[in-house]
Amino acid sequence: TQMTLRLLWVLQHVPGLQEATNNGNAVFGGVDCWLLYKLTGKHVTD
């Protein structure tokens, strides 16, 4: 139920994601974080 190893899993299995993180283009977040980005453009969580 924790994000920890599922996040590691996607970094290992989603094509292009690891490279995007290395280039500083990819960010991570829960539903709250993603929704705040969609509503305001900010990458924040509480």
ModelCIF file with pLDDT and N, C-alpha, C, O atoms, coordinates in Angstrom:
data_MODEL
#
_entry.id   MODEL 
#
_entity.id                         1 
_entity.type                       polymer 
_entity.pdbx_number_of_molecules   1 
#
_entity_poly.entity_id                      1 
_entity_poly.type                           'polypeptide(L)' 
_entity_poly.nstd_linkage                   no 
_entity_poly.nstd_monomer                   no 
_entity_poly.pdbx_seq_one_letter_code       TQMTLRLLWVLQHVPGLQEATNNGNAVFGGVDCWLLYKLTGKHVTD 
_entity_poly.pdbx_seq_one_letter_code_can   TQMTLRLLWVLQHVPGLQEATNNGNAVFGGVDCWLLYKLTGKHVTD 
_entity_poly.pdbx_strand_id                 A 
#
loop_
_entity_poly_seq.entity_id 
_entity_poly_seq.num 
_entity_poly_seq.mon_id 
_entity_poly_seq.hetero 
1 1  THR n 
1 2  GLN n 
1 3  MET n 
1 4  THR n 
1 5  LEU n 
1 6  ARG n 
1 7  LEU n 
1 8  LEU n 
1 9  TRP n 
1 10 VAL n 
1 11 LEU n 
1 12 GLN n 
1 13 HIS n 
1 14 VAL n 
1 15 PRO n 
1 16 GLY n 
1 17 LEU n 
1 18 GLN n 
1 19 GLU n 
1 20 ALA n 
1 21 THR n 
1 22 ASN n 
1 23 ASN n 
1 24 GLY n 
1 25 ASN n 
1 26 ALA n 
1 27 VAL n 
1 28 PHE n 
1 29 GLY n 
1 30 GLY n 
1 31 VAL n 
1 32 ASP n 
1 33 CYS n 
1 34 TRP n 
1 35 LEU n 
1 36 LEU n 
1 37 TYR n 
1 38 LYS n 
1 39 LEU n 
1 40 THR n 
1 41 GLY n 
1 42 LYS n 
1 43 HIS n 
1 44 VAL n 
1 45 THR n 
1 46 ASP n 
#
_struct_asym.id          A 
_struct_asym.entity_id   1 
#
loop_
_ma_qa_metric.id 
_ma_qa_metric.mode 
_ma_qa_metric.name 
_ma_qa_metric.software_group_id 
_ma_qa_metric.type 
1 global pLDDT . pLDDT 
2 local  pLDDT . pLDDT 
#
_ma_qa_metric_global.metric_id      1 
_ma_qa_metric_global.metric_value   95.67 
_ma_qa_metric_global.model_id       1 
_ma_qa_metric_global.ordinal_id     1 
#
loop_
_ma_qa_metric_local.label_asym_id 
_ma_qa_metric_local.label_comp_id 
_ma_qa_metric_local.label_seq_id 
_ma_qa_metric_local.metric_id 
_ma_qa_metric_local.metric_value 
_ma_qa_metric_local.model_id 
_ma_qa_metric_local.ordinal_id 
A THR 1  2 85.00 1 1  
A GLN 2  2 89.00 1 2  
A MET 3  2 95.00 1 3  
A THR 4  2 95.00 1 4  
A LEU 5  2 96.00 1 5  
A ARG 6  2 97.00 1 6  
A LEU 7  2 97.00 1 7  
A LEU 8  2 97.00 1 8  
A TRP 9  2 97.00 1 9  
A VAL 10 2 97.00 1 10 
A LEU 11 2 97.00 1 11 
A GLN 12 2 96.00 1 12 
A HIS 13 2 96.00 1 13 
A VAL 14 2 97.00 1 14 
A PRO 15 2 94.00 1 15 
A GLY 16 2 93.00 1 16 
A LEU 17 2 96.00 1 17 
A GLN 18 2 94.00 1 18 
A GLU 19 2 93.00 1 19 
A ALA 20 2 95.00 1 20 
A THR 21 2 95.00 1 21 
A ASN 22 2 91.00 1 22 
A ASN 23 2 91.00 1 23 
A GLY 24 2 91.00 1 24 
A ASN 25 2 92.00 1 25 
A ALA 26 2 96.00 1 26 
A VAL 27 2 97.00 1 27 
A PHE 28 2 97.00 1 28 
A GLY 29 2 98.00 1 29 
A GLY 30 2 98.00 1 30 
A VAL 31 2 98.00 1 31 
A ASP 32 2 98.00 1 32 
A CYS 33 2 98.00 1 33 
A TRP 34 2 98.00 1 34 
A LEU 35 2 98.00 1 35 
A LEU 36 2 98.00 1 36 
A TYR 37 2 97.00 1 37 
A LYS 38 2 97.00 1 38 
A LEU 39 2 97.00 1 39 
A THR 40 2 97.00 1 40 
A GLY 41 2 96.00 1 41 
A LYS 42 2 96.00 1 42 
A HIS 43 2 97.00 1 43 
A VAL 44 2 98.00 1 44 
A THR 45 2 98.00 1 45 
A ASP 46 2 98.00 1 46 
#
loop_
_atom_site.group_PDB 
_atom_site.id 
_atom_site.type_symbol 
_atom_site.label_atom_id 
_atom_site.label_alt_id 
_atom_site.label_comp_id 
_atom_site.label_asym_id 
_atom_site.label_entity_id 
_atom_site.label_seq_id 
_atom_site.pdbx_PDB_ins_code 
_atom_site.Cartn_x 
_atom_site.Cartn_y 
_atom_site.Cartn_z 
_atom_site.occupancy 
_atom_site.B_iso_or_equiv 
_atom_site.pdbx_formal_charge 
_atom_site.auth_seq_id 
_atom_site.auth_comp_id 
_atom_site.auth_asym_id 
_atom_site.auth_atom_id 
_atom_site.pdbx_PDB_model_num 
ATOM 1   N N  . THR A 1 1  ? 0.818  -1.214 0.000   1.00 85.00 ? 1  THR A N  1 
ATOM 2   C CA . THR A 1 1  ? 0.000  0.000  0.000   1.00 85.00 ? 1  THR A CA 1 
ATOM 3   C C  . THR A 1 1  ? 0.855  1.268  0.000   1.00 85.00 ? 1  THR A C  1 
ATOM 4   O O  . THR A 1 1  ? 0.354  2.343  -0.331  1.00 85.00 ? 1  THR A O  1 
ATOM 5   N N  . GLN A 1 2  ? 2.135  1.163  0.365   1.00 89.00 ? 2  GLN A N  1 
ATOM 6   C CA . GLN A 1 2  ? 3.024  2.320  0.292   1.00 89.00 ? 2  GLN A CA 1 
ATOM 7   C C  . GLN A 1 2  ? 3.451  2.551  -1.156  1.00 89.00 ? 2  GLN A C  1 
ATOM 8   O O  . GLN A 1 2  ? 3.421  1.634  -1.977  1.00 89.00 ? 2  GLN A O  1 
ATOM 9   N N  . MET A 1 3  ? 3.844  3.764  -1.451  1.00 95.00 ? 3  MET A N  1 
ATOM 10  C CA . MET A 1 3  ? 4.269  4.099  -2.812  1.00 95.00 ? 3  MET A CA 1 
ATOM 11  C C  . MET A 1 3  ? 5.679  3.607  -3.112  1.00 95.00 ? 3  MET A C  1 
ATOM 12  O O  . MET A 1 3  ? 6.033  3.425  -4.277  1.00 95.00 ? 3  MET A O  1 
ATOM 13  N N  . THR A 1 4  ? 6.480  3.392  -2.089  1.00 95.00 ? 4  THR A N  1 
ATOM 14  C CA . THR A 1 4  ? 7.920  3.162  -2.214  1.00 95.00 ? 4  THR A CA 1 
ATOM 15  C C  . THR A 1 4  ? 8.331  2.243  -3.365  1.00 95.00 ? 4  THR A C  1 
ATOM 16  O O  . THR A 1 4  ? 8.954  2.693  -4.327  1.00 95.00 ? 4  THR A O  1 
ATOM 17  N N  . LEU A 1 5  ? 7.984  0.962  -3.268  1.00 96.00 ? 5  LEU A N  1 
ATOM 18  C CA . LEU A 1 5  ? 8.480  -0.001 -4.253  1.00 96.00 ? 5  LEU A CA 1 
ATOM 19  C C  . LEU A 1 5  ? 7.671  0.019  -5.539  1.00 96.00 ? 5  LEU A C  1 
ATOM 20  O O  . LEU A 1 5  ? 8.161  -0.430 -6.576  1.00 96.00 ? 5  LEU A O  1 
ATOM 21  N N  . ARG A 1 6  ? 6.444  0.526  -5.500  1.00 97.00 ? 6  ARG A N  1 
ATOM 22  C CA . ARG A 1 6  ? 5.713  0.723  -6.767  1.00 97.00 ? 6  ARG A CA 1 
ATOM 23  C C  . ARG A 1 6  ? 6.350  1.849  -7.579  1.00 97.00 ? 6  ARG A C  1 
ATOM 24  O O  . ARG A 1 6  ? 6.365  1.798  -8.809  1.00 97.00 ? 6  ARG A O  1 
ATOM 25  N N  . LEU A 1 7  ? 6.874  2.860  -6.894  1.00 97.00 ? 7  LEU A N  1 
ATOM 26  C CA . LEU A 1 7  ? 7.601  3.924  -7.586  1.00 97.00 ? 7  LEU A CA 1 
ATOM 27  C C  . LEU A 1 7  ? 8.883  3.378  -8.195  1.00 97.00 ? 7  LEU A C  1 
ATOM 28  O O  . LEU A 1 7  ? 9.222  3.701  -9.334  1.00 97.00 ? 7  LEU A O  1 
ATOM 29  N N  . LEU A 1 8  ? 9.593  2.552  -7.439  1.00 97.00 ? 8  LEU A N  1 
ATOM 30  C CA . LEU A 1 8  ? 10.802 1.924  -7.978  1.00 97.00 ? 8  LEU A CA 1 
ATOM 31  C C  . LEU A 1 8  ? 10.455 1.055  -9.185  1.00 97.00 ? 8  LEU A C  1 
ATOM 32  O O  . LEU A 1 8  ? 11.204 1.014  -10.161 1.00 97.00 ? 8  LEU A O  1 
ATOM 33  N N  . TRP A 1 9  ? 9.327  0.368  -9.116  1.00 97.00 ? 9  TRP A N  1 
ATOM 34  C CA . TRP A 1 9  ? 8.888  -0.495 -10.212 1.00 97.00 ? 9  TRP A CA 1 
ATOM 35  C C  . TRP A 1 9  ? 8.668  0.314  -11.495 1.00 97.00 ? 9  TRP A C  1 
ATOM 36  O O  . TRP A 1 9  ? 9.128  -0.096 -12.561 1.00 97.00 ? 9  TRP A O  1 
ATOM 37  N N  . VAL A 1 10 ? 7.975  1.451  -11.411 1.00 97.00 ? 10 VAL A N  1 
ATOM 38  C CA . VAL A 1 10 ? 7.712  2.219  -12.636 1.00 97.00 ? 10 VAL A CA 1 
ATOM 39  C C  . VAL A 1 10 ? 8.992  2.821  -13.195 1.00 97.00 ? 10 VAL A C  1 
ATOM 40  O O  . VAL A 1 10 ? 9.143  2.944  -14.410 1.00 97.00 ? 10 VAL A O  1 
ATOM 41  N N  . LEU A 1 11 ? 9.916  3.197  -12.315 1.00 97.00 ? 11 LEU A N  1 
ATOM 42  C CA . LEU A 1 11 ? 11.191 3.730  -12.810 1.00 97.00 ? 11 LEU A CA 1 
ATOM 43  C C  . LEU A 1 11 ? 11.956 2.673  -13.590 1.00 97.00 ? 11 LEU A C  1 
ATOM 44  O O  . LEU A 1 11 ? 12.704 2.999  -14.512 1.00 97.00 ? 11 LEU A O  1 
ATOM 45  N N  . GLN A 1 12 ? 11.775 1.417  -13.229 1.00 96.00 ? 12 GLN A N  1 
ATOM 46  C CA . GLN A 1 12 ? 12.471 0.325  -13.909 1.00 96.00 ? 12 GLN A CA 1 
ATOM 47  C C  . GLN A 1 12 ? 11.730 -0.180 -15.137 1.00 96.00 ? 12 GLN A C  1 
ATOM 48  O O  . GLN A 1 12 ? 12.351 -0.767 -16.023 1.00 96.00 ? 12 GLN A O  1 
ATOM 49  N N  . HIS A 1 13 ? 10.409 0.034  -15.218 1.00 96.00 ? 13 HIS A N  1 
ATOM 50  C CA . HIS A 1 13 ? 9.616  -0.602 -16.265 1.00 96.00 ? 13 HIS A CA 1 
ATOM 51  C C  . HIS A 1 13 ? 8.941  0.352  -17.251 1.00 96.00 ? 13 HIS A C  1 
ATOM 52  O O  . HIS A 1 13 ? 8.574  -0.080 -18.344 1.00 96.00 ? 13 HIS A O  1 
ATOM 53  N N  . VAL A 1 14 ? 8.764  1.626  -16.910 1.00 97.00 ? 14 VAL A N  1 
ATOM 54  C CA . VAL A 1 14 ? 8.095  2.552  -17.834 1.00 97.00 ? 14 VAL A CA 1 
ATOM 55  C C  . VAL A 1 14 ? 9.133  3.144  -18.782 1.00 97.00 ? 14 VAL A C  1 
ATOM 56  O O  . VAL A 1 14 ? 10.052 3.829  -18.333 1.00 97.00 ? 14 VAL A O  1 
ATOM 57  N N  . PRO A 1 15 ? 9.004  2.895  -20.082 1.00 94.00 ? 15 PRO A N  1 
ATOM 58  C CA . PRO A 1 15 ? 9.993  3.376  -21.057 1.00 94.00 ? 15 PRO A CA 1 
ATOM 59  C C  . PRO A 1 15 ? 10.168 4.901  -20.999 1.00 94.00 ? 15 PRO A C  1 
ATOM 60  O O  . PRO A 1 15 ? 9.190  5.647  -21.020 1.00 94.00 ? 15 PRO A O  1 
ATOM 61  N N  . GLY A 1 16 ? 11.400 5.339  -20.926 1.00 93.00 ? 16 GLY A N  1 
ATOM 62  C CA . GLY A 1 16 ? 11.723 6.765  -20.990 1.00 93.00 ? 16 GLY A CA 1 
ATOM 63  C C  . GLY A 1 16 ? 11.623 7.494  -19.661 1.00 93.00 ? 16 GLY A C  1 
ATOM 64  O O  . GLY A 1 16 ? 12.072 8.637  -19.565 1.00 93.00 ? 16 GLY A O  1 
ATOM 65  N N  . LEU A 1 17 ? 11.043 6.871  -18.620 1.00 96.00 ? 17 LEU A N  1 
ATOM 66  C CA . LEU A 1 17 ? 10.836 7.583  -17.354 1.00 96.00 ? 17 LEU A CA 1 
ATOM 67  C C  . LEU A 1 17 ? 12.151 7.845  -16.631 1.00 96.00 ? 17 LEU A C  1 
ATOM 68  O O  . LEU A 1 17 ? 12.380 8.956  -16.153 1.00 96.00 ? 17 LEU A O  1 
ATOM 69  N N  . GLN A 1 18 ? 13.018 6.840  -16.543 1.00 94.00 ? 18 GLN A N  1 
ATOM 70  C CA . GLN A 1 18 ? 14.292 7.025  -15.858 1.00 94.00 ? 18 GLN A CA 1 
ATOM 71  C C  . GLN A 1 18 ? 15.122 8.106  -16.532 1.00 94.00 ? 18 GLN A C  1 
ATOM 72  O O  . GLN A 1 18 ? 15.750 8.927  -15.863 1.00 94.00 ? 18 GLN A O  1 
ATOM 73  N N  . GLU A 1 19 ? 15.122 8.101  -17.856 1.00 93.00 ? 19 GLU A N  1 
ATOM 74  C CA . GLU A 1 19 ? 15.866 9.121  -18.604 1.00 93.00 ? 19 GLU A CA 1 
ATOM 75  C C  . GLU A 1 19 ? 15.296 10.512 -18.349 1.00 93.00 ? 19 GLU A C  1 
ATOM 76  O O  . GLU A 1 19 ? 16.041 11.481 -18.203 1.00 93.00 ? 19 GLU A O  1 
ATOM 77  N N  . ALA A 1 20 ? 13.949 10.600 -18.297 1.00 95.00 ? 20 ALA A N  1 
ATOM 78  C CA . ALA A 1 20 ? 13.295 11.889 -18.047 1.00 95.00 ? 20 ALA A CA 1 
ATOM 79  C C  . ALA A 1 20 ? 13.625 12.423 -16.659 1.00 95.00 ? 20 ALA A C  1 
ATOM 80  O O  . ALA A 1 20 ? 13.783 13.630 -16.478 1.00 95.00 ? 20 ALA A O  1 
ATOM 81  N N  . THR A 1 21 ? 13.732 11.514 -15.664 1.00 95.00 ? 21 THR A N  1 
ATOM 82  C CA . THR A 1 21 ? 14.106 11.977 -14.322 1.00 95.00 ? 21 THR A CA 1 
ATOM 83  C C  . THR A 1 21 ? 15.555 12.440 -14.301 1.00 95.00 ? 21 THR A C  1 
ATOM 84  O O  . THR A 1 21 ? 15.892 13.407 -13.618 1.00 95.00 ? 21 THR A O  1 
ATOM 85  N N  . ASN A 1 22 ? 16.412 11.750 -15.051 1.00 91.00 ? 22 ASN A N  1 
ATOM 86  C CA . ASN A 1 22 ? 17.827 12.154 -15.118 1.00 91.00 ? 22 ASN A CA 1 
ATOM 87  C C  . ASN A 1 22 ? 17.972 13.535 -15.737 1.00 91.00 ? 22 ASN A C  1 
ATOM 88  O O  . ASN A 1 22 ? 18.874 14.291 -15.376 1.00 91.00 ? 22 ASN A O  1 
ATOM 89  N N  . ASN A 1 23 ? 17.074 13.867 -16.681 1.00 91.00 ? 23 ASN A N  1 
ATOM 90  C CA . ASN A 1 23 ? 17.123 15.170 -17.362 1.00 91.00 ? 23 ASN A CA 1 
ATOM 91  C C  . ASN A 1 23 ? 16.363 16.252 -16.601 1.00 91.00 ? 23 ASN A C  1 
ATOM 92  O O  . ASN A 1 23 ? 16.341 17.413 -17.010 1.00 91.00 ? 23 ASN A O  1 
ATOM 93  N N  . GLY A 1 24 ? 15.731 15.854 -15.474 1.00 91.00 ? 24 GLY A N  1 
ATOM 94  C CA . GLY A 1 24 ? 14.992 16.838 -14.677 1.00 91.00 ? 24 GLY A CA 1 
ATOM 95  C C  . GLY A 1 24 ? 13.631 17.189 -15.224 1.00 91.00 ? 24 GLY A C  1 
ATOM 96  O O  . GLY A 1 24 ? 13.053 18.204 -14.834 1.00 91.00 ? 24 GLY A O  1 
ATOM 97  N N  . ASN A 1 25 ? 13.100 16.366 -16.128 1.00 92.00 ? 25 ASN A N  1 
ATOM 98  C CA . ASN A 1 25 ? 11.803 16.666 -16.739 1.00 92.00 ? 25 ASN A CA 1 
ATOM 99  C C  . ASN A 1 25 ? 10.623 16.002 -16.031 1.00 92.00 ? 25 ASN A C  1 
ATOM 100 O O  . ASN A 1 25 ? 9.496  16.489 -16.110 1.00 92.00 ? 25 ASN A O  1 
ATOM 101 N N  . ALA A 1 26 ? 10.879 14.893 -15.341 1.00 96.00 ? 26 ALA A N  1 
ATOM 102 C CA . ALA A 1 26 ? 9.788  14.128 -14.736 1.00 96.00 ? 26 ALA A CA 1 
ATOM 103 C C  . ALA A 1 26 ? 9.669  14.441 -13.254 1.00 96.00 ? 26 ALA A C  1 
ATOM 104 O O  . ALA A 1 26 ? 10.668 14.626 -12.559 1.00 96.00 ? 26 ALA A O  1 
ATOM 105 N N  . VAL A 1 27 ? 8.430  14.498 -12.784 1.00 97.00 ? 27 VAL A N  1 
ATOM 106 C CA . VAL A 1 27 ? 8.168  14.683 -11.359 1.00 97.00 ? 27 VAL A CA 1 
ATOM 107 C C  . VAL A 1 27 ? 7.178  13.617 -10.895 1.00 97.00 ? 27 VAL A C  1 
ATOM 108 O O  . VAL A 1 27 ? 6.505  12.966 -11.694 1.00 97.00 ? 27 VAL A O  1 
ATOM 109 N N  . PHE A 1 28 ? 7.117  13.467 -9.584  1.00 97.00 ? 28 PHE A N  1 
ATOM 110 C CA . PHE A 1 28 ? 6.305  12.425 -8.964  1.00 97.00 ? 28 PHE A CA 1 
ATOM 111 C C  . PHE A 1 28 ? 5.318  13.067 -7.997  1.00 97.00 ? 28 PHE A C  1 
ATOM 112 O O  . PHE A 1 28 ? 5.605  14.103 -7.398  1.00 97.00 ? 28 PHE A O  1 
ATOM 113 N N  . GLY A 1 29 ? 4.140  12.435 -7.849  1.00 98.00 ? 29 GLY A N  1 
ATOM 114 C CA . GLY A 1 29 ? 3.201  12.943 -6.857  1.00 98.00 ? 29 GLY A CA 1 
ATOM 115 C C  . GLY A 1 29 ? 1.985  12.051 -6.708  1.00 98.00 ? 29 GLY A C  1 
ATOM 116 O O  . GLY A 1 29 ? 1.638  11.283 -7.605  1.00 98.00 ? 29 GLY A O  1 
ATOM 117 N N  . GLY A 1 30 ? 1.342  12.172 -5.547  1.00 98.00 ? 30 GLY A N  1 
ATOM 118 C CA . GLY A 1 30 ? 0.082  11.489 -5.313  1.00 98.00 ? 30 GLY A CA 1 
ATOM 119 C C  . GLY A 1 30 ? -1.059 12.209 -6.009  1.00 98.00 ? 30 GLY A C  1 
ATOM 120 O O  . GLY A 1 30 ? -0.843 13.174 -6.741  1.00 98.00 ? 30 GLY A O  1 
ATOM 121 N N  . VAL A 1 31 ? -2.265 11.734 -5.776  1.00 98.00 ? 31 VAL A N  1 
ATOM 122 C CA . VAL A 1 31 ? -3.445 12.339 -6.409  1.00 98.00 ? 31 VAL A CA 1 
ATOM 123 C C  . VAL A 1 31 ? -3.546 13.813 -6.036  1.00 98.00 ? 31 VAL A C  1 
ATOM 124 O O  . VAL A 1 31 ? -3.887 14.644 -6.878  1.00 98.00 ? 31 VAL A O  1 
ATOM 125 N N  . ASP A 1 32 ? -3.251 14.143 -4.777  1.00 98.00 ? 32 ASP A N  1 
ATOM 126 C CA . ASP A 1 32 ? -3.332 15.543 -4.319  1.00 98.00 ? 32 ASP A CA 1 
ATOM 127 C C  . ASP A 1 32 ? -2.344 16.420 -5.070  1.00 98.00 ? 32 ASP A C  1 
ATOM 128 O O  . ASP A 1 32 ? -2.684 17.504 -5.544  1.00 98.00 ? 32 ASP A O  1 
ATOM 129 N N  . CYS A 1 33 ? -1.109 15.928 -5.169  1.00 98.00 ? 33 CYS A N  1 
ATOM 130 C CA . CYS A 1 33 ? -0.032 16.690 -5.801  1.00 98.00 ? 33 CYS A CA 1 
ATOM 131 C C  . CYS A 1 33 ? -0.324 16.928 -7.280  1.00 98.00 ? 33 CYS A C  1 
ATOM 132 O O  . CYS A 1 33 ? -0.174 18.041 -7.784  1.00 98.00 ? 33 CYS A O  1 
ATOM 133 N N  . TRP A 1 34 ? -0.743 15.861 -7.968  1.00 98.00 ? 34 TRP A N  1 
ATOM 134 C CA . TRP A 1 34 ? -1.075 15.969 -9.391  1.00 98.00 ? 34 TRP A CA 1 
ATOM 135 C C  . TRP A 1 34 ? -2.257 16.914 -9.608  1.00 98.00 ? 34 TRP A C  1 
ATOM 136 O O  . TRP A 1 34 ? -2.257 17.706 -10.551 1.00 98.00 ? 34 TRP A O  1 
ATOM 137 N N  . LEU A 1 35 ? -3.269 16.831 -8.732  1.00 98.00 ? 35 LEU A N  1 
ATOM 138 C CA . LEU A 1 35 ? -4.456 17.680 -8.874  1.00 98.00 ? 35 LEU A CA 1 
ATOM 139 C C  . LEU A 1 35 ? -4.117 19.148 -8.640  1.00 98.00 ? 35 LEU A C  1 
ATOM 140 O O  . LEU A 1 35 ? -4.614 20.022 -9.351  1.00 98.00 ? 35 LEU A O  1 
ATOM 141 N N  . LEU A 1 36 ? -3.273 19.422 -7.647  1.00 98.00 ? 36 LEU A N  1 
ATOM 142 C CA . LEU A 1 36 ? -2.854 20.808 -7.408  1.00 98.00 ? 36 LEU A CA 1 
ATOM 143 C C  . LEU A 1 36 ? -2.072 21.345 -8.609  1.00 98.00 ? 36 LEU A C  1 
ATOM 144 O O  . LEU A 1 36 ? -2.186 22.522 -8.953  1.00 98.00 ? 36 LEU A O  1 
ATOM 145 N N  . TYR A 1 37 ? -1.289 20.487 -9.236  1.00 97.00 ? 37 TYR A N  1 
ATOM 146 C CA . TYR A 1 37 ? -0.580 20.902 -10.450 1.00 97.00 ? 37 TYR A CA 1 
ATOM 147 C C  . TYR A 1 37 ? -1.573 21.234 -11.570 1.00 97.00 ? 37 TYR A C  1 
ATOM 148 O O  . TYR A 1 37 ? -1.420 22.243 -12.258 1.00 97.00 ? 37 TYR A O  1 
ATOM 149 N N  . LYS A 1 38 ? -2.590 20.383 -11.749 1.00 97.00 ? 38 LYS A N  1 
ATOM 150 C CA . LYS A 1 38 ? -3.581 20.613 -12.804 1.00 97.00 ? 38 LYS A CA 1 
ATOM 151 C C  . LYS A 1 38 ? -4.384 21.890 -12.551 1.00 97.00 ? 38 LYS A C  1 
ATOM 152 O O  . LYS A 1 38 ? -4.778 22.583 -13.489 1.00 97.00 ? 38 LYS A O  1 
ATOM 153 N N  . LEU A 1 39 ? -4.621 22.190 -11.276 1.00 97.00 ? 39 LEU A N  1 
ATOM 154 C CA . LEU A 1 39 ? -5.444 23.362 -10.938 1.00 97.00 ? 39 LEU A CA 1 
ATOM 155 C C  . LEU A 1 39 ? -4.647 24.662 -10.893 1.00 97.00 ? 39 LEU A C  1 
ATOM 156 O O  . LEU A 1 39 ? -5.172 25.729 -11.211 1.00 97.00 ? 39 LEU A O  1 
ATOM 157 N N  . THR A 1 40 ? -3.372 24.570 -10.495 1.00 97.00 ? 40 THR A N  1 
ATOM 158 C CA . THR A 1 40 ? -2.606 25.799 -10.247 1.00 97.00 ? 40 THR A CA 1 
ATOM 159 C C  . THR A 1 40 ? -1.257 25.862 -10.953 1.00 97.00 ? 40 THR A C  1 
ATOM 160 O O  . THR A 1 40 ? -0.677 26.941 -11.073 1.00 97.00 ? 40 THR A O  1 
ATOM 161 N N  . GLY A 1 41 ? -0.741 24.715 -11.427 1.00 96.00 ? 41 GLY A N  1 
ATOM 162 C CA . GLY A 1 41 ? 0.577  24.693 -12.048 1.00 96.00 ? 41 GLY A CA 1 
ATOM 163 C C  . GLY A 1 41 ? 1.716  24.467 -11.071 1.00 96.00 ? 41 GLY A C  1 
ATOM 164 O O  . GLY A 1 41 ? 2.877  24.423 -11.479 1.00 96.00 ? 41 GLY A O  1 
ATOM 165 N N  . LYS A 1 42 ? 1.403  24.323 -9.771  1.00 96.00 ? 42 LYS A N  1 
ATOM 166 C CA . LYS A 1 42 ? 2.438  24.139 -8.753  1.00 96.00 ? 42 LYS A CA 1 
ATOM 167 C C  . LYS A 1 42 ? 2.692  22.653 -8.487  1.00 96.00 ? 42 LYS A C  1 
ATOM 168 O O  . LYS A 1 42 ? 1.782  21.830 -8.574  1.00 96.00 ? 42 LYS A O  1 
ATOM 169 N N  . HIS A 1 43 ? 3.950  22.327 -8.160  1.00 97.00 ? 43 HIS A N  1 
ATOM 170 C CA . HIS A 1 43 ? 4.313  20.951 -7.798  1.00 97.00 ? 43 HIS A CA 1 
ATOM 171 C C  . HIS A 1 43 ? 4.522  20.905 -6.285  1.00 97.00 ? 43 HIS A C  1 
ATOM 172 O O  . HIS A 1 43 ? 5.648  21.009 -5.797  1.00 97.00 ? 43 HIS A O  1 
ATOM 173 N N  . VAL A 1 44 ? 3.417  20.747 -5.553  1.00 98.00 ? 44 VAL A N  1 
ATOM 174 C CA . VAL A 1 44 ? 3.444  20.807 -4.095  1.00 98.00 ? 44 VAL A CA 1 
ATOM 175 C C  . VAL A 1 44 ? 2.544  19.719 -3.512  1.00 98.00 ? 44 VAL A C  1 
ATOM 176 O O  . VAL A 1 44 ? 1.670  19.184 -4.195  1.00 98.00 ? 44 VAL A O  1 
ATOM 177 N N  . THR A 1 45 ? 2.773  19.405 -2.247  1.00 98.00 ? 45 THR A N  1 
ATOM 178 C CA . THR A 1 45 ? 1.902  18.505 -1.496  1.00 98.00 ? 45 THR A CA 1 
ATOM 179 C C  . THR A 1 45 ? 1.839  19.023 -0.071  1.00 98.00 ? 45 THR A C  1 
ATOM 180 O O  . THR A 1 45 ? 2.581  19.937 0.291   1.00 98.00 ? 45 THR A O  1 
ATOM 181 N N  . ASP A 1 46 ? 0.954  18.444 0.751   1.00 98.00 ? 46 ASP A N  1 
ATOM 182 C CA . ASP A 1 46 ? 0.912  18.865 2.155   1.00 98.00 ? 46 ASP A CA 1 
ATOM 183 C C  . ASP A 1 46 ? 1.520  17.766 3.019   1.00 98.00 ? 46 ASP A C  1 
ATOM 184 O O  . ASP A 1 46 ? 1.588  17.907 4.239   1.00 98.00 ? 46 ASP A O  1 
#
